[in-house]
Amino acid sequence: SDLRTSTKLRRSFEMWLSQIKQIQSLGGSTKRDQRELVLEYVEDYNTSTLPHEKYYNYDEWEAKDYEQKKQQSLGEKKSCQADE
C-alpha cells in the first residue's frame, strides 16, 4: 500500500503528523521536508516502531476506543443504578 492511494494509511499518517510532529498541514512545507516526514513515518511503520498502535490504522483504533468508552459508560450507569 501507498500513502497516496490508501485512505487508511493517509489518515494514520495525518494523525501521526498532527499528534507527534505537531504539524497540522504539509501545505507550507517544502517538497523535501514533506518527503523526509513521509520517509520517517514509513520507516517507523515498516519497522513497527511507531509510538502507539493507533498510528498503524487510526480509524480502526478510533472505533475500538469509542466502543471501549461506550462499554465503560454503560457499565458505570448500571453500577450507579444498582447503588440506588
PDB file of N, CA and C in Angstrom:
ATOM      1  N   SER A   1       0.834  -1.193   0.000  1.00  0.00           N
ATOM      2  CA  SER A   1       0.000   0.000   0.000  1.00  0.00           C
ATOM      3  C   SER A   1       0.872   1.247   0.000  1.00  0.00           C
ATOM      4  N   ASP A   2       0.245   2.338  -0.296  1.00  0.00           N
ATOM      5  CA  ASP A   2       0.984   3.573  -0.506  1.00  0.00           C
ATOM      6  C   ASP A   2       0.190   4.733   0.085  1.00  0.00           C
ATOM      7  N   LEU A   3       0.887   5.690   0.661  1.00  0.00           N
ATOM      8  CA  LEU A   3       0.228   6.829   1.312  1.00  0.00           C
ATOM      9  C   LEU A   3      -0.654   7.630   0.360  1.00  0.00           C
ATOM     10  N   ARG A   4      -0.294   7.659  -0.910  1.00  0.00           N
ATOM     11  CA  ARG A   4      -1.078   8.452  -1.870  1.00  0.00           C
ATOM     12  C   ARG A   4      -2.406   7.793  -2.212  1.00  0.00           C
ATOM     13  N   THR A   5      -2.473   6.469  -2.125  1.00  0.00           N
ATOM     14  CA  THR A   5      -3.691   5.779  -2.556  1.00  0.00           C
ATOM     15  C   THR A   5      -4.482   5.132  -1.422  1.00  0.00           C
ATOM     16  N   SER A   6      -3.853   4.872  -0.302  1.00  0.00           N
ATOM     17  CA  SER A   6      -4.530   4.202   0.802  1.00  0.00           C
ATOM     18  C   SER A   6      -5.119   5.220   1.774  1.00  0.00           C
ATOM     19  N   THR A   7      -6.428   5.257   1.858  1.00  0.00           N
ATOM     20  CA  THR A   7      -7.103   6.162   2.788  1.00  0.00           C
ATOM     21  C   THR A   7      -6.712   5.829   4.225  1.00  0.00           C
ATOM     22  N   LYS A   8      -6.615   4.544   4.541  1.00  0.00           N
ATOM     23  CA  LYS A   8      -6.250   4.101   5.887  1.00  0.00           C
ATOM     24  C   LYS A   8      -4.873   4.647   6.266  1.00  0.00           C
ATOM     25  N   LEU A   9      -3.902   4.457   5.381  1.00  0.00           N
ATOM     26  CA  LEU A   9      -2.548   4.934   5.674  1.00  0.00           C
ATOM     27  C   LEU A   9      -2.479   6.451   5.701  1.00  0.00           C
ATOM     28  N   ARG A  10      -3.190   7.090   4.803  1.00  0.00           N
ATOM     29  CA  ARG A  10      -3.168   8.558   4.729  1.00  0.00           C
ATOM     30  C   ARG A  10      -3.676   9.157   6.042  1.00  0.00           C
ATOM     31  N   ARG A  11      -4.799   8.640   6.521  1.00  0.00           N
ATOM     32  CA  ARG A  11      -5.379   9.147   7.781  1.00  0.00           C
ATOM     33  C   ARG A  11      -4.437   8.880   8.951  1.00  0.00           C
ATOM     34  N   SER A  12      -3.845   7.703   8.998  1.00  0.00           N
ATOM     35  CA  SER A  12      -2.918   7.363  10.077  1.00  0.00           C
ATOM     36  C   SER A  12      -1.697   8.272  10.038  1.00  0.00           C
ATOM     37  N   PHE A  13      -1.179   8.531   8.837  1.00  0.00           N
ATOM     38  CA  PHE A  13      -0.037   9.435   8.670  1.00  0.00           C
ATOM     39  C   PHE A  13      -0.406  10.842   9.126  1.00  0.00           C
ATOM     40  N   GLU A  14      -1.579  11.316   8.728  1.00  0.00           N
ATOM     41  CA  GLU A  14      -2.007  12.667   9.108  1.00  0.00           C
ATOM     42  C   GLU A  14      -2.147  12.803  10.619  1.00  0.00           C
ATOM     43  N   MET A  15      -2.656  11.776  11.281  1.00  0.00           N
ATOM     44  CA  MET A  15      -2.793  11.833  12.736  1.00  0.00           C
ATOM     45  C   MET A  15      -1.420  11.800  13.403  1.00  0.00           C
ATOM     46  N   TRP A  16      -0.503  10.979  12.891  1.00  0.00           N
ATOM     47  CA  TRP A  16       0.871  10.936  13.402  1.00  0.00           C
ATOM     48  C   TRP A  16       1.528  12.308  13.232  1.00  0.00           C
ATOM     49  N   LEU A  17       1.338  12.879  12.061  1.00  0.00           N
ATOM     50  CA  LEU A  17       1.909  14.187  11.752  1.00  0.00           C
ATOM     51  C   LEU A  17       1.388  15.244  12.733  1.00  0.00           C
ATOM     52  N   SER A  18       0.103  15.215  12.985  1.00  0.00           N
ATOM     53  CA  SER A  18      -0.533  16.186  13.867  1.00  0.00           C
ATOM     54  C   SER A  18      -0.158  15.966  15.335  1.00  0.00           C
ATOM     55  N   GLN A  19      -0.268  14.733  15.798  1.00  0.00           N
ATOM     56  CA  GLN A  19      -0.095  14.452  17.220  1.00  0.00           C
ATOM     57  C   GLN A  19       1.362  14.291  17.645  1.00  0.00           C
ATOM     58  N   ILE A  20       2.189  13.742  16.783  1.00  0.00           N
ATOM     59  CA  ILE A  20       3.583  13.502  17.152  1.00  0.00           C
ATOM     60  C   ILE A  20       4.487  14.652  16.701  1.00  0.00           C
ATOM     61  N   LYS A  21       4.286  15.119  15.499  1.00  0.00           N
ATOM     62  CA  LYS A  21       5.145  16.170  14.952  1.00  0.00           C
ATOM     63  C   LYS A  21       4.558  17.569  15.139  1.00  0.00           C
ATOM     64  N   GLN A  22       3.325  17.653  15.633  1.00  0.00           N
ATOM     65  CA  GLN A  22       2.620  18.930  15.819  1.00  0.00           C
ATOM     66  C   GLN A  22       2.569  19.752  14.524  1.00  0.00           C
ATOM     67  N   ILE A  23       2.354  19.063  13.398  1.00  0.00           N
ATOM     68  CA  ILE A  23       2.216  19.707  12.092  1.00  0.00           C
ATOM     69  C   ILE A  23       0.791  19.454  11.609  1.00  0.00           C
ATOM     70  N   GLN A  24       0.007  20.504  11.460  1.00  0.00           N
ATOM     71  CA  GLN A  24      -1.389  20.358  11.086  1.00  0.00           C
ATOM     72  C   GLN A  24      -1.584  20.128   9.589  1.00  0.00           C
ATOM     73  N   SER A  25      -0.666  20.634   8.786  1.00  0.00           N
ATOM     74  CA  SER A  25      -0.799  20.510   7.332  1.00  0.00           C
ATOM     75  C   SER A  25       0.578  20.567   6.689  1.00  0.00           C
ATOM     76  N   LEU A  26       0.745  19.822   5.620  1.00  0.00           N
ATOM     77  CA  LEU A  26       2.008  19.856   4.887  1.00  0.00           C
ATOM     78  C   LEU A  26       2.045  20.990   3.874  1.00  0.00           C
ATOM     79  N   GLY A  27       0.955  21.744   3.770  1.00  0.00           N
ATOM     80  CA  GLY A  27       0.833  22.807   2.779  1.00  0.00           C
ATOM     81  C   GLY A  27       1.976  23.801   2.751  1.00  0.00           C
ATOM     82  N   GLY A  28       2.490  24.196   3.897  1.00  0.00           N
ATOM     83  CA  GLY A  28       3.561  25.191   3.943  1.00  0.00           C
ATOM     84  C   GLY A  28       4.950  24.583   3.894  1.00  0.00           C
ATOM     85  N   SER A  29       5.043  23.269   3.812  1.00  0.00           N
ATOM     86  CA  SER A  29       6.333  22.584   3.808  1.00  0.00           C
ATOM     87  C   SER A  29       6.896  22.472   2.402  1.00  0.00           C
ATOM     88  N   THR A  30       8.216  22.419   2.321  1.00  0.00           N
ATOM     89  CA  THR A  30       8.851  22.193   1.022  1.00  0.00           C
ATOM     90  C   THR A  30       8.671  20.724   0.637  1.00  0.00           C
ATOM     91  N   LYS A  31       8.842  20.436  -0.622  1.00  0.00           N
ATOM     92  CA  LYS A  31       8.745  19.044  -1.098  1.00  0.00           C
ATOM     93  C   LYS A  31       9.756  18.166  -0.362  1.00  0.00           C
ATOM     94  N   ARG A  32      10.936  18.710  -0.120  1.00  0.00           N
ATOM     95  CA  ARG A  32      11.980  17.948   0.572  1.00  0.00           C
ATOM     96  C   ARG A  32      11.542  17.624   1.999  1.00  0.00           C
ATOM     97  N   ASP A  33      10.991  18.616   2.718  1.00  0.00           N
ATOM     98  CA  ASP A  33      10.509  18.388   4.082  1.00  0.00           C
ATOM     99  C   ASP A  33       9.377  17.360   4.106  1.00  0.00           C
ATOM    100  N   GLN A  34       8.459  17.475   3.147  1.00  0.00           N
ATOM    101  CA  GLN A  34       7.348  16.527   3.056  1.00  0.00           C
ATOM    102  C   GLN A  34       7.880  15.109   2.853  1.00  0.00           C
ATOM    103  N   ARG A  35       8.814  14.981   1.944  1.00  0.00           N
ATOM    104  CA  ARG A  35       9.398  13.667   1.639  1.00  0.00           C
ATOM    105  C   ARG A  35      10.079  13.085   2.877  1.00  0.00           C
ATOM    106  N   GLU A  36      10.820  13.904   3.612  1.00  0.00           N
ATOM    107  CA  GLU A  36      11.500  13.421   4.813  1.00  0.00           C
ATOM    108  C   GLU A  36      10.512  12.948   5.873  1.00  0.00           C
ATOM    109  N   LEU A  37       9.418  13.675   6.043  1.00  0.00           N
ATOM    110  CA  LEU A  37       8.390  13.264   7.011  1.00  0.00           C
ATOM    111  C   LEU A  37       7.737  11.954   6.590  1.00  0.00           C
ATOM    112  N   VAL A  38       7.420  11.837   5.313  1.00  0.00           N
ATOM    113  CA  VAL A  38       6.815  10.596   4.810  1.00  0.00           C
ATOM    114  C   VAL A  38       7.784   9.438   5.005  1.00  0.00           C
ATOM    115  N   LEU A  39       9.048   9.629   4.662  1.00  0.00           N
ATOM    116  CA  LEU A  39      10.040   8.565   4.824  1.00  0.00           C
ATOM    117  C   LEU A  39      10.206   8.161   6.287  1.00  0.00           C
ATOM    118  N   GLU A  40      10.175   9.136   7.183  1.00  0.00           N
ATOM    119  CA  GLU A  40      10.273   8.824   8.611  1.00  0.00           C
ATOM    120  C   GLU A  40       9.090   7.981   9.067  1.00  0.00           C
ATOM    121  N   TYR A  41       7.886   8.382   8.659  1.00  0.00           N
ATOM    122  CA  TYR A  41       6.687   7.628   9.032  1.00  0.00           C
ATOM    123  C   TYR A  41       6.740   6.210   8.459  1.00  0.00           C
ATOM    124  N   VAL A  42       7.068   6.114   7.178  1.00  0.00           N
ATOM    125  CA  VAL A  42       7.094   4.805   6.511  1.00  0.00           C
ATOM    126  C   VAL A  42       8.132   3.887   7.162  1.00  0.00           C
ATOM    127  N   GLU A  43       9.291   4.433   7.488  1.00  0.00           N
ATOM    128  CA  GLU A  43      10.322   3.612   8.139  1.00  0.00           C
ATOM    129  C   GLU A  43       9.827   3.104   9.489  1.00  0.00           C
ATOM    130  N   ASP A  44       9.250   3.996  10.296  1.00  0.00           N
ATOM    131  CA  ASP A  44       8.724   3.572  11.597  1.00  0.00           C
ATOM    132  C   ASP A  44       7.570   2.586  11.433  1.00  0.00           C
ATOM    133  N   TYR A  45       6.735   2.818  10.445  1.00  0.00           N
ATOM    134  CA  TYR A  45       5.611   1.902  10.167  1.00  0.00           C
ATOM    135  C   TYR A  45       6.152   0.518   9.824  1.00  0.00           C
ATOM    136  N   ASN A  46       7.096   0.475   8.894  1.00  0.00           N
ATOM    137  CA  ASN A  46       7.632  -0.803   8.418  1.00  0.00           C
ATOM    138  C   ASN A  46       8.461  -1.545   9.454  1.00  0.00           C
ATOM    139  N   THR A  47       9.057  -0.833  10.389  1.00  0.00           N
ATOM    140  CA  THR A  47       9.857  -1.479  11.431  1.00  0.00           C
ATOM    141  C   THR A  47       9.080  -1.632  12.735  1.00  0.00           C
ATOM    142  N   SER A  48       7.792  -1.316  12.688  1.00  0.00           N
ATOM    143  CA  SER A  48       6.910  -1.433  13.859  1.00  0.00           C
ATOM    144  C   SER A  48       7.426  -0.649  15.056  1.00  0.00           C
ATOM    145  N   THR A  49       7.877   0.588  14.790  1.00  0.00           N
ATOM    146  CA  THR A  49       8.402   1.418  15.874  1.00  0.00           C
ATOM    147  C   THR A  49       7.634   2.728  16.033  1.00  0.00           C
ATOM    148  N   LEU A  50       6.424   2.781  15.512  1.00  0.00           N
ATOM    149  CA  LEU A  50       5.596   3.964  15.744  1.00  0.00           C
ATOM    150  C   LEU A  50       5.286   4.042  17.235  1.00  0.00           C
ATOM    151  N   PRO A  51       5.105   5.242  17.785  1.00  0.00           N
ATOM    152  CA  PRO A  51       4.958   5.395  19.236  1.00  0.00           C
ATOM    153  C   PRO A  51       3.665   4.824  19.836  1.00  0.00           C
ATOM    154  N   HIS A  52       2.693   4.503  19.010  1.00  0.00           N
ATOM    155  CA  HIS A  52       1.434   3.950  19.522  1.00  0.00           C
ATOM    156  C   HIS A  52       0.767   3.152  18.412  1.00  0.00           C
ATOM    157  N   GLU A  53       0.031   2.120  18.795  1.00  0.00           N
ATOM    158  CA  GLU A  53      -0.633   1.266  17.806  1.00  0.00           C
ATOM    159  C   GLU A  53      -1.628   2.025  16.925  1.00  0.00           C
ATOM    160  N   LYS A  54      -2.170   3.132  17.426  1.00  0.00           N
ATOM    161  CA  LYS A  54      -3.176   3.863  16.657  1.00  0.00           C
ATOM    162  C   LYS A  54      -2.629   4.421  15.351  1.00  0.00           C
ATOM    163  N   TYR A  55      -1.325   4.616  15.248  1.00  0.00           N
ATOM    164  CA  TYR A  55      -0.748   5.196  14.032  1.00  0.00           C
ATOM    165  C   TYR A  55      -0.566   4.183  12.897  1.00  0.00           C
ATOM    166  N   TYR A  56      -0.913   2.929  13.140  1.00  0.00           N
ATOM    167  CA  TYR A  56      -0.887   1.926  12.074  1.00  0.00           C
ATOM    168  C   TYR A  56      -2.217   1.897  11.322  1.00  0.00           C
ATOM    169  N   ASN A  57      -3.307   2.057  12.044  1.00  0.00           N
ATOM    170  CA  ASN A  57      -4.637   2.114  11.427  1.00  0.00           C
ATOM    171  C   ASN A  57      -5.513   2.955  12.356  1.00  0.00           C
ATOM    172  N   TYR A  58      -5.461   4.257  12.160  1.00  0.00           N
ATOM    173  CA  TYR A  58      -6.108   5.183  13.088  1.00  0.00           C
ATOM    174  C   TYR A  58      -7.620   4.977  13.161  1.00  0.00           C
ATOM    175  N   ASP A  59      -8.252   4.776  12.017  1.00  0.00           N
ATOM    176  CA  ASP A  59      -9.711   4.615  12.010  1.00  0.00           C
ATOM    177  C   ASP A  59     -10.141   3.389  12.814  1.00  0.00           C
ATOM    178  N   GLU A  60      -9.421   2.291  12.657  1.00  0.00           N
ATOM    179  CA  GLU A  60      -9.735   1.078  13.408  1.00  0.00           C
ATOM    180  C   GLU A  60      -9.514   1.300  14.904  1.00  0.00           C
ATOM    181  N   TRP A  61      -8.403   1.926  15.259  1.00  0.00           N
ATOM    182  CA  TRP A  61      -8.123   2.207  16.667  1.00  0.00           C
ATOM    183  C   TRP A  61      -9.203   3.118  17.261  1.00  0.00           C
ATOM    184  N   GLU A  62      -9.587   4.141  16.502  1.00  0.00           N
ATOM    185  CA  GLU A  62     -10.593   5.088  16.976  1.00  0.00           C
ATOM    186  C   GLU A  62     -11.929   4.391  17.224  1.00  0.00           C
ATOM    187  N   ALA A  63     -12.307   3.472  16.341  1.00  0.00           N
ATOM    188  CA  ALA A  63     -13.565   2.729  16.515  1.00  0.00           C
ATOM    189  C   ALA A  63     -13.496   1.849  17.763  1.00  0.00           C
ATOM    190  N   LYS A  64     -12.376   1.168  17.967  1.00  0.00           N
ATOM    191  CA  LYS A  64     -12.208   0.328  19.165  1.00  0.00           C
ATOM    192  C   LYS A  64     -12.243   1.177  20.432  1.00  0.00           C
ATOM    193  N   ASP A  65     -11.563   2.309  20.405  1.00  0.00           N
ATOM    194  CA  ASP A  65     -11.525   3.210  21.554  1.00  0.00           C
ATOM    195  C   ASP A  65     -12.926   3.710  21.890  1.00  0.00           C
ATOM    196  N   TYR A  66     -13.689   4.068  20.861  1.00  0.00           N
ATOM    197  CA  TYR A  66     -15.060   4.536  21.057  1.00  0.00           C
ATOM    198  C   TYR A  66     -15.900   3.432  21.708  1.00  0.00           C
ATOM    199  N   GLU A  67     -15.785   2.210  21.195  1.00  0.00           N
ATOM    200  CA  GLU A  67     -16.561   1.096  21.752  1.00  0.00           C
ATOM    201  C   GLU A  67     -16.183   0.830  23.208  1.00  0.00           C
ATOM    202  N   GLN A  68     -14.904   0.896  23.518  1.00  0.00           N
ATOM    203  CA  GLN A  68     -14.464   0.673  24.900  1.00  0.00           C
ATOM    204  C   GLN A  68     -15.032   1.745  25.828  1.00  0.00           C
ATOM    205  N   LYS A  69     -14.985   2.983  25.393  1.00  0.00           N
ATOM    206  CA  LYS A  69     -15.521   4.075  26.212  1.00  0.00           C
ATOM    207  C   LYS A  69     -17.035   3.947  26.377  1.00  0.00           C
ATOM    208  N   LYS A  70     -17.712   3.517  25.316  1.00  0.00           N
ATOM    209  CA  LYS A  70     -19.158   3.319  25.377  1.00  0.00           C
ATOM    210  C   LYS A  70     -19.494   2.214  26.371  1.00  0.00           C
ATOM    211  N   GLN A  71     -18.762   1.107  26.315  1.00  0.00           N
ATOM    212  CA  GLN A  71     -18.989  -0.002  27.248  1.00  0.00           C
ATOM    213  C   GLN A  71     -18.700   0.423  28.686  1.00  0.00           C
ATOM    214  N   GLN A  72     -17.646   1.199  28.847  1.00  0.00           N
ATOM    215  CA  GLN A  72     -17.278   1.711  30.169  1.00  0.00           C
ATOM    216  C   GLN A  72     -18.399   2.592  30.726  1.00  0.00           C
ATOM    217  N   SER A  73     -18.934   3.448  29.874  1.00  0.00           N
ATOM    218  CA  SER A  73     -20.006   4.352  30.269  1.00  0.00           C
ATOM    219  C   SER A  73     -21.257   3.567  30.655  1.00  0.00           C
ATOM    220  N   LEU A  74     -21.584   2.554  29.867  1.00  0.00           N
ATOM    221  CA  LEU A  74     -22.751   1.721  30.179  1.00  0.00           C
ATOM    222  C   LEU A  74     -22.552   0.995  31.503  1.00  0.00           C
ATOM    223  N   GLY A  75     -21.336   0.518  31.735  1.00  0.00           N
ATOM    224  CA  GLY A  75     -21.030  -0.164  32.995  1.00  0.00           C
ATOM    225  C   GLY A  75     -21.178   0.762  34.181  1.00  0.00           C
ATOM    226  N   GLU A  76     -20.744   1.999  34.027  1.00  0.00           N
ATOM    227  CA  GLU A  76     -20.865   2.987  35.109  1.00  0.00           C
ATOM    228  C   GLU A  76     -22.325   3.315  35.391  1.00  0.00           C
ATOM    229  N   LYS A  77     -23.135   3.420  34.326  1.00  0.00           N
ATOM    230  CA  LYS A  77     -24.558   3.723  34.508  1.00  0.00           C
ATOM    231  C   LYS A  77     -25.243   2.578  35.252  1.00  0.00           C
ATOM    232  N   LYS A  78     -24.913   1.333  34.878  1.00  0.00           N
ATOM    233  CA  LYS A  78     -25.519   0.181  35.536  1.00  0.00           C
ATOM    234  C   LYS A  78     -25.110   0.135  37.006  1.00  0.00           C
ATOM    235  N   SER A  79     -23.857   0.470  37.273  1.00  0.00           N
ATOM    236  CA  SER A  79     -23.354   0.476  38.638  1.00  0.00           C
ATOM    237  C   SER A  79     -24.071   1.525  39.475  1.00  0.00           C
ATOM    238  N   CYS A  80     -24.301   2.703  38.910  1.00  0.00           N
ATOM    239  CA  CYS A  80     -24.999   3.782  39.619  1.00  0.00           C
ATOM    240  C   CYS A  80     -26.445   3.398  39.887  1.00  0.00           C
ATOM    241  N   GLN A  81     -27.089   2.748  38.919  1.00  0.00           N
ATOM    242  CA  GLN A  81     -28.482   2.342  39.093  1.00  0.00           C
ATOM    243  C   GLN A  81     -28.597   1.275  40.173  1.00  0.00           C
ATOM    244  N   ALA A  82     -27.620   0.375  40.253  1.00  0.00           N
ATOM    245  CA  ALA A  82     -27.637  -0.675  41.270  1.00  0.00           C
ATOM    246  C   ALA A  82     -27.454  -0.083  42.673  1.00  0.00           C
ATOM    247  N   ASP A  83     -26.744   1.016  42.761  1.00  0.00           N
ATOM    248  CA  ASP A  83     -26.498   1.653  44.042  1.00  0.00           C
ATOM    249  C   ASP A  83     -27.731   2.364  44.590  1.00  0.00           C
ATOM    250  N   GLU A  84     -28.666   2.699  43.709  1.00  0.00           N
ATOM    251  CA  GLU A  84     -29.840   3.470  44.144  1.00  0.00           C
ATOM    252  C   GLU A  84     -30.833   2.652  44.920  1.00  0.00           C
TER     253      GLU A  84
END
